[in-house]
């Protein structure tokens, strides 16, 4: 199911914050289910660093819209998407970054 791009900056911030939360949930899963570490291990550190960086930029007022450019985490999402339960959330955040808020609908 495709998520709608957010209509406001606050909704966008909420989406990015939700992605940070989902990454934290994956880390918890890895602690309690070590077999999951094999699936999540190759990408979790890099994805975590990049998404938290985006959230920090937004909350610090240092964020720049992508104007057609993908976030640097997208190759990870494409490569490891089948292991990322919130893959669609990351796609929606990236789509918003590239194309702006959904102010037309």
C-alpha atoms as a PDB file:
ATOM      1  CA  UNK A   1       0.000   0.000   0.000  1.00  0.00           C
ATOM      2  CA  UNK A   2       1.443   3.323  -1.063  1.00  0.00           C
ATOM      3  CA  UNK A   3       1.464   6.062   1.555  1.00  0.00           C
ATOM      4  CA  UNK A   4       0.377   9.571   0.622  1.00  0.00           C
ATOM      5  CA  UNK A   5       3.017  12.284   0.726  1.00  0.00           C
ATOM      6  CA  UNK A   6       2.442  14.561   3.712  1.00  0.00           C
ATOM      7  CA  UNK A   7       0.685  17.862   3.190  1.00  0.00           C
ATOM      8  CA  UNK A   8       2.488  19.836   5.924  1.00  0.00           C
ATOM      9  CA  UNK A   9       6.001  20.091   7.324  1.00  0.00           C
ATOM     10  CA  UNK A  10       4.713  18.779  10.668  1.00  0.00           C
ATOM     11  CA  UNK A  11       3.340  15.666   8.951  1.00  0.00           C
ATOM     12  CA  UNK A  12       6.691  15.213   7.209  1.00  0.00           C
ATOM     13  CA  UNK A  13       8.565  15.527  10.507  1.00  0.00           C
ATOM     14  CA  UNK A  14       6.205  12.928  11.985  1.00  0.00           C
ATOM     15  CA  UNK A  15       6.990  10.510   9.136  1.00  0.00           C
ATOM     16  CA  UNK A  16      10.739  10.885   9.628  1.00  0.00           C
ATOM     17  CA  UNK A  17      10.320  10.466  13.380  1.00  0.00           C
ATOM     18  CA  UNK A  18       8.267   7.334  12.740  1.00  0.00           C
ATOM     19  CA  UNK A  19      11.135   5.955  10.623  1.00  0.00           C
ATOM     20  CA  UNK A  20      13.564   6.584  13.511  1.00  0.00           C
ATOM     21  CA  UNK A  21      11.169   4.717  15.805  1.00  0.00           C
ATOM     22  CA  UNK A  22      10.896   1.804  13.359  1.00  0.00           C
ATOM     23  CA  UNK A  23      14.683   1.547  13.186  1.00  0.00           C
ATOM     24  CA  UNK A  24      14.801   1.427  16.988  1.00  0.00           C
ATOM     25  CA  UNK A  25      12.231  -1.380  16.856  1.00  0.00           C
ATOM     26  CA  UNK A  26      14.442  -3.331  14.427  1.00  0.00           C
ATOM     27  CA  UNK A  27      17.375  -2.930  16.799  1.00  0.00           C
ATOM     28  CA  UNK A  28      15.269  -4.270  19.673  1.00  0.00           C
ATOM     29  CA  UNK A  29      14.199  -7.181  17.516  1.00  0.00           C
ATOM     30  CA  UNK A  30      17.858  -7.938  16.811  1.00  0.00           C
ATOM     31  CA  UNK A  31      18.587  -8.044  20.558  1.00  0.00           C
ATOM     32  CA  UNK A  32      15.797 -10.485  21.346  1.00  0.00           C
ATOM     33  CA  UNK A  33      15.974 -12.520  18.153  1.00  0.00           C
ATOM     34  CA  UNK A  34      19.645 -12.903  17.205  1.00  0.00           C
ATOM     35  CA  UNK A  35      18.739 -14.703  13.976  1.00  0.00           C
ATOM     36  CA  UNK A  36      17.282 -11.393  12.775  1.00  0.00           C
ATOM     37  CA  UNK A  37      20.717  -9.800  13.077  1.00  0.00           C
ATOM     38  CA  UNK A  38      21.768 -11.657   9.960  1.00  0.00           C
ATOM     39  CA  UNK A  39      18.982 -10.034   7.945  1.00  0.00           C
ATOM     40  CA  UNK A  40      19.235  -6.537   9.442  1.00  0.00           C
ATOM     41  CA  UNK A  41      22.962  -6.374  10.179  1.00  0.00           C
ATOM     42  CA  UNK A  42      24.187  -5.408   6.694  1.00  0.00           C
ATOM     43  CA  UNK A  43      22.180  -2.167   6.600  1.00  0.00           C
ATOM     44  CA  UNK A  44      20.866  -1.146  10.023  1.00  0.00           C
ATOM     45  CA  UNK A  45      23.821   1.013  11.134  1.00  0.00           C
ATOM     46  CA  UNK A  46      24.015   3.002   7.913  1.00  0.00           C
ATOM     47  CA  UNK A  47      20.242   3.407   7.639  1.00  0.00           C
ATOM     48  CA  UNK A  48      20.016   4.477  11.282  1.00  0.00           C
ATOM     49  CA  UNK A  49      22.785   7.043  10.882  1.00  0.00           C
ATOM     50  CA  UNK A  50      21.258   8.528   7.737  1.00  0.00           C
ATOM     51  CA  UNK A  51      17.634   8.695   8.937  1.00  0.00           C
ATOM     52  CA  UNK A  52      18.613  10.143  12.317  1.00  0.00           C
ATOM     53  CA  UNK A  53      20.729  12.705  10.469  1.00  0.00           C
ATOM     54  CA  UNK A  54      17.720  13.736   8.398  1.00  0.00           C
ATOM     55  CA  UNK A  55      15.579  14.048  11.532  1.00  0.00           C
ATOM     56  CA  UNK A  56      18.266  16.122  13.230  1.00  0.00           C
ATOM     57  CA  UNK A  57      18.590  18.418  10.198  1.00  0.00           C
ATOM     58  CA  UNK A  58      14.830  18.983  10.148  1.00  0.00           C
ATOM     59  CA  UNK A  59      14.548  19.683  13.871  1.00  0.00           C
ATOM     60  CA  UNK A  60      17.615  21.970  13.803  1.00  0.00           C
ATOM     61  CA  UNK A  61      16.265  23.966  10.866  1.00  0.00           C
ATOM     62  CA  UNK A  62      19.150  22.846   8.614  1.00  0.00           C
ATOM     63  CA  UNK A  63      17.133  20.683   6.226  1.00  0.00           C
ATOM     64  CA  UNK A  64      17.241  21.247   2.465  1.00  0.00           C
ATOM     65  CA  UNK A  65      14.622  19.759   0.139  1.00  0.00           C
ATOM     66  CA  UNK A  66      15.969  17.380  -2.477  1.00  0.00           C
ATOM     67  CA  UNK A  67      14.580  19.036  -5.619  1.00  0.00           C
ATOM     68  CA  UNK A  68      14.607  15.766  -7.539  1.00  0.00           C
ATOM     69  CA  UNK A  69      17.502  14.112  -5.687  1.00  0.00           C
ATOM     70  CA  UNK A  70      17.114  10.886  -3.706  1.00  0.00           C
ATOM     71  CA  UNK A  71      18.232  10.539  -0.119  1.00  0.00           C
ATOM     72  CA  UNK A  72      21.523   8.700   0.260  1.00  0.00           C
ATOM     73  CA  UNK A  73      19.710   5.844   2.048  1.00  0.00           C
ATOM     74  CA  UNK A  74      17.759   4.831  -1.063  1.00  0.00           C
ATOM     75  CA  UNK A  75      20.317   2.313  -2.391  1.00  0.00           C
ATOM     76  CA  UNK A  76      20.022   0.521   0.966  1.00  0.00           C
ATOM     77  CA  UNK A  77      16.235   0.466   0.723  1.00  0.00           C
ATOM     78  CA  UNK A  78      16.347  -0.855  -2.819  1.00  0.00           C
ATOM     79  CA  UNK A  79      18.931  -3.511  -1.989  1.00  0.00           C
ATOM     80  CA  UNK A  80      17.581  -4.655   1.391  1.00  0.00           C
ATOM     81  CA  UNK A  81      13.924  -3.615   1.098  1.00  0.00           C
ATOM     82  CA  UNK A  82      12.602  -7.139   1.522  1.00  0.00           C
ATOM     83  CA  UNK A  83      14.093  -7.105   5.055  1.00  0.00           C
ATOM     84  CA  UNK A  84      12.729  -3.661   5.963  1.00  0.00           C
ATOM     85  CA  UNK A  85       9.141  -3.902   7.245  1.00  0.00           C
ATOM     86  CA  UNK A  86       8.720  -0.116   6.902  1.00  0.00           C
ATOM     87  CA  UNK A  87      10.166   0.105   3.405  1.00  0.00           C
ATOM     88  CA  UNK A  88       7.119   2.010   2.101  1.00  0.00           C
ATOM     89  CA  UNK A  89       7.561   4.644   4.821  1.00  0.00           C
ATOM     90  CA  UNK A  90      11.143   5.232   3.661  1.00  0.00           C
ATOM     91  CA  UNK A  91       9.973   5.468   0.041  1.00  0.00           C
ATOM     92  CA  UNK A  92       7.341   8.055   1.026  1.00  0.00           C
ATOM     93  CA  UNK A  93       9.869  10.134   2.970  1.00  0.00           C
ATOM     94  CA  UNK A  94      12.216  10.051  -0.016  1.00  0.00           C
ATOM     95  CA  UNK A  95       9.417  10.916  -2.446  1.00  0.00           C
ATOM     96  CA  UNK A  96       8.511  13.921  -0.285  1.00  0.00           C
ATOM     97  CA  UNK A  97      12.159  14.973  -0.106  1.00  0.00           C
ATOM     98  CA  UNK A  98      12.429  14.837  -3.914  1.00  0.00           C
ATOM     99  CA  UNK A  99       9.053  16.300  -4.870  1.00  0.00           C
ATOM    100  CA  UNK A 100       7.990  18.391  -1.894  1.00  0.00           C
ATOM    101  CA  UNK A 101       4.838  18.309   0.165  1.00  0.00           C
ATOM    102  CA  UNK A 102       1.563  17.118  -1.338  1.00  0.00           C
ATOM    103  CA  UNK A 103      -0.079  20.547  -1.291  1.00  0.00           C
ATOM    104  CA  UNK A 104      -2.121  19.987  -4.450  1.00  0.00           C
ATOM    105  CA  UNK A 105      -4.730  17.608  -3.044  1.00  0.00           C
END
